Amino acid sequence: MQRPKQYNKIIQETDDVYASYTFVGGEWIRGLFCKTNVPAFKIIGFYEGKSLTQEEADVSTSEYLMTARQNRDRRKKVTLDGNPDIYDNICGFANYAVNSIANATFEDTKHESRETSVILKSTQFIPAGCEIRVDYDLGQRSTPFLDSLLSRGLPRSYFISPAYKQHIWTYPGVDGPS
């Protein structure tokens, strides 16, 4: 698939993935895509951002908050604001899919050189050009993240269907239709 000219651009990229635009719910939104074939269980990147105090987290309106355990004391938690518009956080561009059809997941791991270590990891082989989607509700019975998307008028089918995996996007910058 080819994006229209105004959306056929790279927002951020690494060796394996890039952020660009995808078509969801009748509009073009940002998303995360594989630049190369990504094997199952590969670490795609770290969820980066600013550590917030509990007071900051309680009043934050950011849609990119992630709770993680601290590496030096795994019993303590911290909230990260991973807004990719502010912080170098390419993983923040990954869109939502329910757990049963998501092709990647976030894991809270331990990495000594970091305060927190939330990684984005593929759960299956993802071909180059395919969008990367994760379950921000982390497979829980309650689905506050999905509920917030539905409250905006987006159809449930966009998030519970594996159809997004059939769309193989052309790498941005390749000339196509205007």
Protein backbone atom coordinates (compact mmCIF):
# COMPACT_ATOMS: atom_id res chain seq x y z
CA MET A 1 0.00 0.00 0.00
CA GLN A 2 1.12 3.52 -0.67
CA ARG A 3 0.40 6.56 1.48
CA PRO A 4 -0.76 9.80 -0.15
CA LYS A 5 2.08 12.22 -0.79
CA GLN A 6 1.41 14.41 2.29
CA TYR A 7 1.63 11.32 4.59
CA ASN A 8 4.43 9.51 2.76
CA LYS A 9 7.16 10.55 5.19
CA ILE A 10 9.22 9.27 8.06
CA ILE A 11 8.70 10.81 11.49
CA GLN A 12 11.42 8.78 13.29
CA GLU A 13 13.33 5.61 12.46
CA THR A 14 15.79 3.02 13.72
CA ASP A 15 17.53 0.19 11.86
CA ASP A 16 14.44 -2.06 12.16
CA VAL A 17 11.39 0.21 12.41
CA TYR A 18 10.05 3.60 11.37
CA ALA A 19 7.20 5.86 12.39
CA SER A 20 4.97 7.18 9.63
CA TYR A 21 1.22 7.29 8.90
CA THR A 22 -1.51 4.66 8.73
CA PHE A 23 -5.20 4.94 7.85
CA VAL A 24 -7.48 4.18 10.84
CA GLY A 25 -11.09 5.15 11.34
CA GLY A 26 -11.29 7.29 8.22
CA GLU A 27 -8.25 9.41 9.08
CA TRP A 28 -4.49 9.33 8.76
CA ILE A 29 -2.78 8.82 12.11
CA ARG A 30 0.77 8.07 13.14
CA GLY A 31 1.89 4.47 13.50
CA LEU A 32 4.95 2.25 13.83
CA PHE A 33 6.06 -0.01 10.97
CA CYS A 34 8.71 -2.64 10.29
CA LYS A 35 11.49 -1.47 8.04
CA THR A 36 12.89 -4.99 7.78
CA ASN A 37 11.47 -8.41 8.51
CA VAL A 38 11.36 -8.70 12.30
CA PRO A 39 11.57 -12.21 13.76
CA ALA A 40 9.37 -13.34 16.64
CA PHE A 41 10.55 -12.30 20.11
CA LYS A 42 12.95 -9.59 18.91
CA ILE A 43 13.38 -6.48 21.03
CA ILE A 44 12.22 -3.60 18.87
CA GLY A 45 13.20 -0.86 21.32
CA PHE A 46 12.89 0.68 24.77
CA TYR A 47 9.87 2.76 25.82
CA GLU A 48 11.63 6.03 26.61
CA GLY A 49 10.36 9.10 28.41
CA LYS A 50 10.37 11.22 31.53
CA SER A 51 9.81 9.68 34.96
CA LEU A 52 6.94 11.46 36.67
CA THR A 53 6.25 11.88 40.36
CA GLN A 54 2.94 10.45 41.53
CA GLU A 55 1.52 13.97 41.71
CA GLU A 56 2.62 14.72 38.13
CA ALA A 57 1.16 11.43 36.89
CA ASP A 58 -2.16 12.08 38.66
CA VAL A 59 -2.70 15.37 36.82
CA SER A 60 -1.10 14.44 33.49
CA THR A 61 -3.27 14.47 30.37
CA SER A 62 -0.66 12.63 28.30
CA GLU A 63 -1.91 9.62 26.33
CA TYR A 64 1.57 8.08 26.57
CA LEU A 65 1.82 7.17 30.27
CA MET A 66 3.34 3.78 31.10
CA THR A 67 3.86 2.30 34.56
CA ALA A 68 7.16 0.48 35.09
CA ARG A 69 9.17 -0.99 37.93
CA GLN A 70 12.40 0.69 38.94
CA ASN A 71 15.49 -1.36 38.16
CA ARG A 72 17.31 -0.61 41.43
CA ASP A 73 14.29 -1.66 43.54
CA ARG A 74 11.82 -3.80 41.55
CA ARG A 75 9.16 -3.31 44.26
CA LYS A 76 8.90 0.40 43.43
CA LYS A 77 7.02 1.70 40.41
CA VAL A 78 7.37 4.82 38.35
CA THR A 79 5.19 6.36 35.65
CA LEU A 80 6.87 7.25 32.37
CA ASP A 81 5.53 9.90 30.02
CA GLY A 82 6.64 8.55 26.65
CA ASN A 83 5.09 11.21 24.42
CA PRO A 84 7.09 10.78 21.17
CA ASP A 85 6.51 14.46 20.30
CA ILE A 86 8.60 15.43 23.33
CA TYR A 87 10.91 12.47 23.99
CA ASP A 88 12.93 10.22 21.68
CA ASN A 89 10.44 7.34 21.99
CA ILE A 90 9.77 5.61 18.68
CA CYS A 91 7.91 2.84 20.55
CA GLY A 92 5.25 5.40 21.50
CA PHE A 93 4.04 5.38 17.88
CA ALA A 94 2.78 1.77 18.12
CA ASN A 95 -1.00 1.71 17.81
CA TYR A 96 -3.49 -0.44 19.69
CA ALA A 97 -4.81 -3.92 18.95
CA VAL A 98 -6.44 -6.38 21.34
CA ASN A 99 -4.03 -8.91 22.81
CA SER A 100 -5.20 -11.82 20.64
CA ILE A 101 -4.23 -10.03 17.39
CA ALA A 102 -1.42 -7.70 18.53
CA ASN A 103 1.93 -8.56 16.95
CA ALA A 104 4.08 -7.01 19.70
CA THR A 105 3.98 -6.49 23.45
CA PHE A 106 5.49 -4.30 26.11
CA GLU A 107 7.54 -6.05 28.81
CA ASP A 108 8.87 -4.57 32.03
CA THR A 109 12.36 -6.09 32.25
CA LYS A 110 15.55 -5.37 34.15
CA HIS A 111 18.49 -3.61 32.53
CA GLU A 112 21.17 -2.31 34.87
CA SER A 113 22.08 0.86 32.96
CA ARG A 114 18.55 2.27 33.02
CA GLU A 115 16.14 3.54 35.66
CA THR A 116 13.36 1.48 34.04
CA SER A 117 13.40 -1.02 31.20
CA VAL A 118 10.12 -1.31 29.37
CA ILE A 119 10.82 -2.96 26.03
CA LEU A 120 8.68 -3.37 22.94
CA LYS A 121 9.11 -6.93 21.68
CA SER A 122 7.61 -8.73 18.70
CA THR A 123 5.38 -11.69 19.59
CA GLN A 124 5.48 -13.16 16.08
CA PHE A 125 7.26 -12.71 12.77
CA ILE A 126 6.37 -9.27 11.37
CA PRO A 127 7.12 -8.67 7.68
CA ALA A 128 8.71 -5.47 6.41
CA GLY A 129 6.04 -2.82 5.80
CA CYS A 130 3.58 -4.22 8.36
CA GLU A 131 2.27 -2.00 11.14
CA ILE A 132 3.27 -2.87 14.72
CA ARG A 133 0.38 -2.92 17.19
CA VAL A 134 0.25 -3.67 20.91
CA ASP A 135 -2.37 -4.15 23.61
CA TYR A 136 -1.96 -1.14 25.90
CA ASP A 137 -4.50 -2.76 28.22
CA LEU A 138 -1.97 -5.61 28.53
CA GLY A 139 -4.56 -8.37 28.07
CA GLN A 140 -6.54 -7.37 31.17
CA ARG A 141 -10.26 -7.99 31.51
CA SER A 142 -10.92 -4.25 31.86
CA THR A 143 -9.97 -2.27 28.76
CA PRO A 144 -9.59 1.44 29.60
CA PHE A 145 -7.33 2.16 26.62
CA LEU A 146 -9.68 0.47 24.14
CA ASP A 147 -12.66 2.15 25.81
CA SER A 148 -11.03 5.57 25.31
CA LEU A 149 -10.57 4.84 21.58
CA LEU A 150 -14.19 3.72 21.22
CA SER A 151 -15.41 6.86 23.04
CA ARG A 152 -13.86 8.90 20.21
CA GLY A 153 -16.18 7.18 17.75
CA LEU A 154 -13.66 4.72 16.31
CA PRO A 155 -15.22 1.37 15.42
CA ARG A 156 -14.25 -1.64 17.54
CA SER A 157 -13.45 -3.55 14.32
CA TYR A 158 -10.27 -1.50 13.79
CA PHE A 159 -8.80 -2.91 16.99
CA ILE A 160 -10.11 -6.48 17.10
CA SER A 161 -9.44 -7.53 13.51
CA PRO A 162 -6.14 -8.91 12.20
CA ALA A 163 -6.80 -7.13 8.87
CA TYR A 164 -4.10 -4.53 9.62
CA LYS A 165 -1.51 -7.30 9.18
CA GLN A 166 -2.54 -7.70 5.53
CA HIS A 167 -1.59 -4.09 4.72
CA ILE A 168 2.05 -3.97 3.68
CA TRP A 169 3.06 -0.33 3.42
CA THR A 170 5.67 0.98 1.02
CA TYR A 171 8.65 2.54 2.78
CA PRO A 172 8.12 6.35 2.84
CA GLY A 173 9.92 8.45 0.30
CA VAL A 174 9.26 5.98 -2.52
CA ASP A 175 7.40 7.92 -5.18
CA GLY A 176 3.83 6.84 -5.61
CA PRO A 177 0.42 8.31 -6.34
CA SER A 178 -0.26 11.84 -5.15
